[in-house]
């Protein structure tokens, strides 16, 4: 193989690896934000229930 072809092939493979890594990281960040939002909503609902019970009791 020609040296230029080998360098181009290596650059394409490295580009694909970097792209896949970026996409996987983006998916992980997105899932993390979704889970954080769900946890926040659940904690807010529990906080309101606890606050209401505490207000009724005291």
C-alpha atoms as a PDB file:
ATOM      1  CA  UNK A   1       0.000   0.000   0.000  1.00  0.00           C
ATOM      2  CA  UNK A   2       1.002   3.545  -0.582  1.00  0.00           C
ATOM      3  CA  UNK A   3       2.022   5.593   2.474  1.00  0.00           C
ATOM      4  CA  UNK A   4      -0.639   8.252   1.806  1.00  0.00           C
ATOM      5  CA  UNK A   5      -3.401   5.653   1.613  1.00  0.00           C
ATOM      6  CA  UNK A   6      -2.278   4.160   4.919  1.00  0.00           C
ATOM      7  CA  UNK A   7      -2.268   7.590   6.591  1.00  0.00           C
ATOM      8  CA  UNK A   8      -5.720   8.413   5.233  1.00  0.00           C
ATOM      9  CA  UNK A   9      -7.053   5.049   6.427  1.00  0.00           C
ATOM     10  CA  UNK A  10      -5.549   5.608   9.888  1.00  0.00           C
ATOM     11  CA  UNK A  11      -7.057   9.109  10.052  1.00  0.00           C
ATOM     12  CA  UNK A  12     -10.493   7.766   9.094  1.00  0.00           C
ATOM     13  CA  UNK A  13     -10.312   5.012  11.722  1.00  0.00           C
ATOM     14  CA  UNK A  14      -9.200   7.451  14.427  1.00  0.00           C
ATOM     15  CA  UNK A  15     -12.006   9.822  13.396  1.00  0.00           C
ATOM     16  CA  UNK A  16     -14.583   7.052  13.685  1.00  0.00           C
ATOM     17  CA  UNK A  17     -13.268   6.067  17.124  1.00  0.00           C
ATOM     18  CA  UNK A  18     -13.416   9.683  18.349  1.00  0.00           C
ATOM     19  CA  UNK A  19     -16.925  10.121  16.911  1.00  0.00           C
ATOM     20  CA  UNK A  20     -18.236   6.940  18.559  1.00  0.00           C
ATOM     21  CA  UNK A  21     -16.651   7.934  21.873  1.00  0.00           C
ATOM     22  CA  UNK A  22     -18.296  11.365  21.662  1.00  0.00           C
ATOM     23  CA  UNK A  23     -21.694   9.867  20.867  1.00  0.00           C
ATOM     24  CA  UNK A  24     -21.456   7.404  23.773  1.00  0.00           C
ATOM     25  CA  UNK A  25     -20.451  10.214  26.148  1.00  0.00           C
ATOM     26  CA  UNK A  26     -23.334  12.365  24.892  1.00  0.00           C
ATOM     27  CA  UNK A  27     -25.807   9.522  25.464  1.00  0.00           C
ATOM     28  CA  UNK A  28     -24.473   8.996  28.993  1.00  0.00           C
ATOM     29  CA  UNK A  29     -24.758  12.693  29.825  1.00  0.00           C
ATOM     30  CA  UNK A  30     -28.292  12.816  28.426  1.00  0.00           C
ATOM     31  CA  UNK A  31     -29.377   9.769  30.422  1.00  0.00           C
ATOM     32  CA  UNK A  32     -27.781  11.250  33.529  1.00  0.00           C
ATOM     33  CA  UNK A  33     -29.705  14.493  33.117  1.00  0.00           C
ATOM     34  CA  UNK A  34     -32.957  12.594  32.568  1.00  0.00           C
ATOM     35  CA  UNK A  35     -32.383  10.514  35.713  1.00  0.00           C
ATOM     36  CA  UNK A  36     -31.512  13.661  37.647  1.00  0.00           C
ATOM     37  CA  UNK A  37     -34.757  15.307  36.546  1.00  0.00           C
ATOM     38  CA  UNK A  38     -36.774  12.231  37.543  1.00  0.00           C
ATOM     39  CA  UNK A  39     -35.074  12.083  40.948  1.00  0.00           C
ATOM     40  CA  UNK A  40     -35.696  15.780  41.464  1.00  0.00           C
ATOM     41  CA  UNK A  41     -39.403  15.385  40.674  1.00  0.00           C
ATOM     42  CA  UNK A  42     -39.740  12.431  43.058  1.00  0.00           C
ATOM     43  CA  UNK A  43     -37.913  14.247  45.855  1.00  0.00           C
ATOM     44  CA  UNK A  44     -40.056  17.351  45.321  1.00  0.00           C
ATOM     45  CA  UNK A  45     -43.255  15.281  45.630  1.00  0.00           C
ATOM     46  CA  UNK A  46     -41.949  13.606  48.811  1.00  0.00           C
ATOM     47  CA  UNK A  47     -40.953  17.012  50.203  1.00  0.00           C
ATOM     48  CA  UNK A  48     -44.438  18.381  49.627  1.00  0.00           C
ATOM     49  CA  UNK A  49     -46.028  15.346  51.313  1.00  0.00           C
ATOM     50  CA  UNK A  50     -43.680  15.536  54.294  1.00  0.00           C
ATOM     51  CA  UNK A  51     -44.215  19.292  54.570  1.00  0.00           C
ATOM     52  CA  UNK A  52     -47.999  18.836  54.535  1.00  0.00           C
ATOM     53  CA  UNK A  53     -47.868  16.111  57.192  1.00  0.00           C
ATOM     54  CA  UNK A  54     -45.549  18.190  59.366  1.00  0.00           C
ATOM     55  CA  UNK A  55     -47.844  21.211  59.025  1.00  0.00           C
ATOM     56  CA  UNK A  56     -50.907  19.169  59.965  1.00  0.00           C
ATOM     57  CA  UNK A  57     -49.158  17.514  62.914  1.00  0.00           C
ATOM     58  CA  UNK A  58     -47.572  20.593  64.481  1.00  0.00           C
END
